[in-house]
């Protein structure tokens, strides 16, 4: 893990909103980790394509979460991922 994280900045999901407001994250090599705390049943978009929505949290502040929308090949490959997965 140390090798994978070398020269990268860890930003907790619960800090992401404040970091986006304060820093230009496009200029930083950063990573985050999240747990799937809720999965919405796959939905159909107006164009007929199916997508998934996951709610991610870092388990530090359960009131803060990020909604992740999965479309296309990403949806097809990962929609069955279990809630609770990191």
N, C-alpha and C. Protein backbone atom coordinates (compact mmCIF):
# COMPACT_ATOMS: atom_id res chain seq x y z
N UNK A 1 0.82 -1.18 0.00
CA UNK A 1 0.00 0.00 0.00
C UNK A 1 0.87 1.26 0.00
N UNK A 2 1.98 1.22 0.74
CA UNK A 2 2.87 2.38 0.76
C UNK A 2 3.38 2.70 -0.65
N UNK A 3 3.69 1.67 -1.42
CA UNK A 3 4.17 1.88 -2.78
C UNK A 3 3.07 2.49 -3.65
N UNK A 4 1.85 2.01 -3.52
CA UNK A 4 0.74 2.53 -4.32
C UNK A 4 0.41 3.98 -3.93
N UNK A 5 0.61 4.34 -2.68
CA UNK A 5 0.27 5.67 -2.20
C UNK A 5 1.41 6.67 -2.31
N UNK A 6 2.57 6.23 -2.74
CA UNK A 6 3.73 7.14 -2.85
C UNK A 6 3.38 8.33 -3.73
N UNK A 7 3.67 9.53 -3.22
CA UNK A 7 3.44 10.79 -3.93
C UNK A 7 1.96 11.09 -4.20
N UNK A 8 1.08 10.45 -3.48
CA UNK A 8 -0.35 10.71 -3.61
C UNK A 8 -0.88 11.24 -2.29
N UNK A 9 -1.93 12.02 -2.38
CA UNK A 9 -2.55 12.58 -1.19
C UNK A 9 -3.86 11.85 -0.92
N UNK A 10 -4.04 11.40 0.32
CA UNK A 10 -5.28 10.76 0.74
C UNK A 10 -6.27 11.84 1.15
N UNK A 11 -7.44 11.83 0.54
CA UNK A 11 -8.51 12.73 0.93
C UNK A 11 -9.70 11.87 1.34
N UNK A 12 -10.11 12.01 2.59
CA UNK A 12 -11.25 11.23 3.07
C UNK A 12 -12.53 11.71 2.37
N UNK A 13 -13.44 10.80 2.12
CA UNK A 13 -14.70 11.17 1.49
C UNK A 13 -15.43 12.26 2.28
N UNK A 14 -15.36 12.18 3.60
CA UNK A 14 -16.05 13.18 4.43
C UNK A 14 -15.40 14.55 4.32
N UNK A 15 -14.18 14.64 3.78
CA UNK A 15 -13.49 15.91 3.59
C UNK A 15 -13.57 16.41 2.16
N UNK A 16 -14.10 15.62 1.27
CA UNK A 16 -14.03 15.92 -0.16
C UNK A 16 -14.69 17.25 -0.52
N UNK A 17 -15.85 17.52 0.02
CA UNK A 17 -16.56 18.76 -0.31
C UNK A 17 -15.73 19.98 0.08
N UNK A 18 -15.18 19.99 1.27
CA UNK A 18 -14.39 21.14 1.71
C UNK A 18 -13.08 21.24 0.93
N UNK A 19 -12.48 20.11 0.58
CA UNK A 19 -11.24 20.13 -0.21
C UNK A 19 -11.49 20.65 -1.61
N UNK A 20 -12.63 20.28 -2.21
CA UNK A 20 -12.97 20.77 -3.54
C UNK A 20 -13.13 22.29 -3.55
N UNK A 21 -13.66 22.83 -2.45
CA UNK A 21 -13.86 24.27 -2.35
C UNK A 21 -12.54 25.01 -2.11
N UNK A 22 -11.60 24.37 -1.42
CA UNK A 22 -10.38 25.05 -1.01
C UNK A 22 -9.17 24.80 -1.91
N UNK A 23 -9.15 23.70 -2.64
CA UNK A 23 -7.97 23.33 -3.42
C UNK A 23 -8.37 22.99 -4.85
N UNK A 24 -7.41 23.10 -5.75
CA UNK A 24 -7.61 22.68 -7.12
C UNK A 24 -7.14 21.23 -7.22
N UNK A 25 -8.05 20.29 -7.05
CA UNK A 25 -7.68 18.88 -6.99
C UNK A 25 -7.23 18.33 -8.34
N UNK A 26 -7.49 19.06 -9.42
CA UNK A 26 -7.03 18.62 -10.73
C UNK A 26 -5.51 18.67 -10.84
N UNK A 27 -4.87 19.44 -9.97
CA UNK A 27 -3.42 19.58 -9.99
C UNK A 27 -2.73 18.66 -8.99
N UNK A 28 -3.51 17.86 -8.28
CA UNK A 28 -2.97 16.99 -7.24
C UNK A 28 -3.27 15.54 -7.59
N UNK A 29 -2.31 14.65 -7.35
CA UNK A 29 -2.55 13.21 -7.51
C UNK A 29 -3.13 12.73 -6.18
N UNK A 30 -4.44 12.52 -6.14
CA UNK A 30 -5.09 12.17 -4.89
C UNK A 30 -5.94 10.91 -5.05
N UNK A 31 -6.19 10.29 -3.90
CA UNK A 31 -7.02 9.08 -3.86
C UNK A 31 -7.98 9.19 -2.69
N UNK A 32 -9.02 8.39 -2.75
CA UNK A 32 -9.95 8.29 -1.64
C UNK A 32 -10.43 6.84 -1.53
N UNK A 33 -10.97 6.51 -0.39
CA UNK A 33 -11.52 5.18 -0.16
C UNK A 33 -12.94 5.34 0.34
N UNK A 34 -13.81 4.43 -0.04
CA UNK A 34 -15.17 4.50 0.44
C UNK A 34 -15.78 3.11 0.55
N UNK A 35 -16.79 3.04 1.38
CA UNK A 35 -17.55 1.82 1.59
C UNK A 35 -18.92 2.05 0.95
N UNK A 36 -19.41 1.06 0.22
CA UNK A 36 -20.76 1.15 -0.34
C UNK A 36 -21.74 0.96 0.81
N UNK A 37 -22.37 2.05 1.22
CA UNK A 37 -23.31 1.97 2.35
C UNK A 37 -24.76 1.83 1.89
N UNK A 38 -25.01 2.14 0.61
CA UNK A 38 -26.36 1.97 0.08
C UNK A 38 -26.27 1.82 -1.43
N UNK A 39 -27.07 0.91 -1.96
CA UNK A 39 -27.18 0.73 -3.41
C UNK A 39 -28.63 0.93 -3.80
N UNK A 40 -28.83 1.76 -4.81
CA UNK A 40 -30.17 1.97 -5.35
C UNK A 40 -30.39 0.92 -6.44
N UNK A 41 -31.57 0.36 -6.51
CA UNK A 41 -31.88 -0.61 -7.56
C UNK A 41 -31.56 0.01 -8.92
N UNK A 42 -30.89 -0.75 -9.81
CA UNK A 42 -30.55 -0.18 -11.13
C UNK A 42 -31.75 0.49 -11.80
N UNK A 43 -31.48 1.62 -12.40
CA UNK A 43 -32.50 2.45 -13.03
C UNK A 43 -32.30 2.47 -14.54
N UNK A 44 -33.33 2.87 -15.26
CA UNK A 44 -33.23 3.06 -16.71
C UNK A 44 -33.27 4.56 -17.01
N UNK A 45 -32.30 5.02 -17.78
CA UNK A 45 -32.27 6.42 -18.19
C UNK A 45 -33.30 6.63 -19.30
N UNK A 46 -33.53 7.88 -19.66
CA UNK A 46 -34.48 8.21 -20.73
C UNK A 46 -34.09 7.57 -22.06
N UNK A 47 -32.79 7.33 -22.26
CA UNK A 47 -32.33 6.73 -23.50
C UNK A 47 -32.39 5.19 -23.45
N UNK A 48 -32.91 4.63 -22.36
CA UNK A 48 -33.07 3.19 -22.24
C UNK A 48 -31.89 2.46 -21.64
N UNK A 49 -30.78 3.15 -21.43
CA UNK A 49 -29.61 2.51 -20.84
C UNK A 49 -29.76 2.39 -19.33
N UNK A 50 -29.26 1.30 -18.79
CA UNK A 50 -29.37 1.03 -17.36
C UNK A 50 -28.14 1.59 -16.64
N UNK A 51 -28.37 2.10 -15.43
CA UNK A 51 -27.27 2.61 -14.62
C UNK A 51 -27.55 2.30 -13.15
N UNK A 52 -26.50 2.39 -12.35
CA UNK A 52 -26.62 2.15 -10.91
C UNK A 52 -26.19 3.40 -10.15
N UNK A 53 -26.69 3.52 -8.93
CA UNK A 53 -26.26 4.59 -8.04
C UNK A 53 -25.82 3.95 -6.72
N UNK A 54 -24.61 4.27 -6.32
CA UNK A 54 -24.09 3.81 -5.04
C UNK A 54 -23.90 5.01 -4.14
N UNK A 55 -24.17 4.83 -2.86
CA UNK A 55 -23.86 5.85 -1.86
C UNK A 55 -22.61 5.37 -1.12
N UNK A 56 -21.55 6.17 -1.16
CA UNK A 56 -20.27 5.82 -0.54
C UNK A 56 -20.01 6.69 0.68
N UNK A 57 -19.38 6.10 1.69
CA UNK A 57 -19.06 6.80 2.93
C UNK A 57 -17.73 6.29 3.44
N UNK A 58 -17.02 7.11 4.21
CA UNK A 58 -15.73 6.68 4.77
C UNK A 58 -15.87 6.18 6.21
N UNK A 59 -17.09 6.07 6.71
CA UNK A 59 -17.43 5.56 8.05
C UNK A 59 -16.92 6.47 9.17
N UNK A 60 -16.44 7.66 8.82
CA UNK A 60 -16.02 8.63 9.82
C UNK A 60 -17.18 9.53 10.21
N UNK A 61 -17.96 9.94 9.22
CA UNK A 61 -19.12 10.79 9.44
C UNK A 61 -20.25 10.25 8.57
N UNK A 62 -21.17 9.52 9.17
CA UNK A 62 -22.21 8.85 8.39
C UNK A 62 -23.18 9.82 7.74
N UNK A 63 -23.15 11.08 8.12
CA UNK A 63 -23.99 12.09 7.50
C UNK A 63 -23.42 12.61 6.18
N UNK A 64 -22.15 12.35 5.94
CA UNK A 64 -21.49 12.79 4.71
C UNK A 64 -21.33 11.59 3.79
N UNK A 65 -21.76 11.73 2.55
CA UNK A 65 -21.60 10.64 1.60
C UNK A 65 -21.44 11.21 0.20
N UNK A 66 -20.98 10.36 -0.69
CA UNK A 66 -20.83 10.71 -2.10
C UNK A 66 -21.69 9.74 -2.89
N UNK A 67 -22.48 10.27 -3.81
CA UNK A 67 -23.25 9.41 -4.70
C UNK A 67 -22.43 9.16 -5.95
N UNK A 68 -22.29 7.90 -6.29
CA UNK A 68 -21.51 7.49 -7.45
C UNK A 68 -22.46 6.87 -8.47
N UNK A 69 -22.48 7.43 -9.66
CA UNK A 69 -23.34 6.93 -10.73
C UNK A 69 -22.50 6.07 -11.66
N UNK A 70 -22.95 4.84 -11.92
CA UNK A 70 -22.23 3.90 -12.77
C UNK A 70 -23.00 3.70 -14.07
N UNK A 71 -22.35 3.98 -15.18
CA UNK A 71 -22.97 3.87 -16.50
C UNK A 71 -22.15 2.91 -17.38
N UNK A 72 -22.74 2.48 -18.47
CA UNK A 72 -22.04 1.72 -19.51
C UNK A 72 -21.36 0.47 -19.01
N UNK A 73 -20.11 0.28 -19.46
CA UNK A 73 -19.34 -0.92 -19.10
C UNK A 73 -19.08 -1.00 -17.60
N UNK A 74 -18.90 0.14 -16.94
CA UNK A 74 -18.66 0.14 -15.50
C UNK A 74 -19.89 -0.42 -14.78
N UNK A 75 -21.07 0.01 -15.19
CA UNK A 75 -22.30 -0.53 -14.60
C UNK A 75 -22.38 -2.03 -14.86
N UNK A 76 -22.17 -2.45 -16.10
CA UNK A 76 -22.27 -3.88 -16.45
C UNK A 76 -21.32 -4.73 -15.63
N UNK A 77 -20.12 -4.22 -15.40
CA UNK A 77 -19.10 -5.00 -14.69
C UNK A 77 -19.29 -5.01 -13.18
N UNK A 78 -19.85 -3.93 -12.62
CA UNK A 78 -19.84 -3.80 -11.16
C UNK A 78 -21.20 -3.73 -10.47
N UNK A 79 -22.31 -3.77 -11.20
CA UNK A 79 -23.60 -3.54 -10.56
C UNK A 79 -23.95 -4.57 -9.50
N UNK A 80 -23.36 -5.74 -9.56
CA UNK A 80 -23.65 -6.78 -8.56
C UNK A 80 -22.76 -6.70 -7.32
N UNK A 81 -21.86 -5.73 -7.28
CA UNK A 81 -20.97 -5.57 -6.12
C UNK A 81 -21.82 -5.41 -4.84
N UNK A 82 -21.44 -6.12 -3.80
CA UNK A 82 -22.22 -6.13 -2.55
C UNK A 82 -22.10 -4.84 -1.77
N UNK A 83 -23.21 -4.46 -1.16
CA UNK A 83 -23.19 -3.36 -0.20
C UNK A 83 -22.22 -3.75 0.92
N UNK A 84 -21.44 -2.79 1.42
CA UNK A 84 -20.44 -3.08 2.44
C UNK A 84 -19.04 -3.27 1.86
N UNK A 85 -18.94 -3.34 0.55
CA UNK A 85 -17.64 -3.51 -0.10
C UNK A 85 -16.88 -2.20 -0.06
N UNK A 86 -15.56 -2.27 0.15
CA UNK A 86 -14.71 -1.08 0.14
C UNK A 86 -14.23 -0.87 -1.28
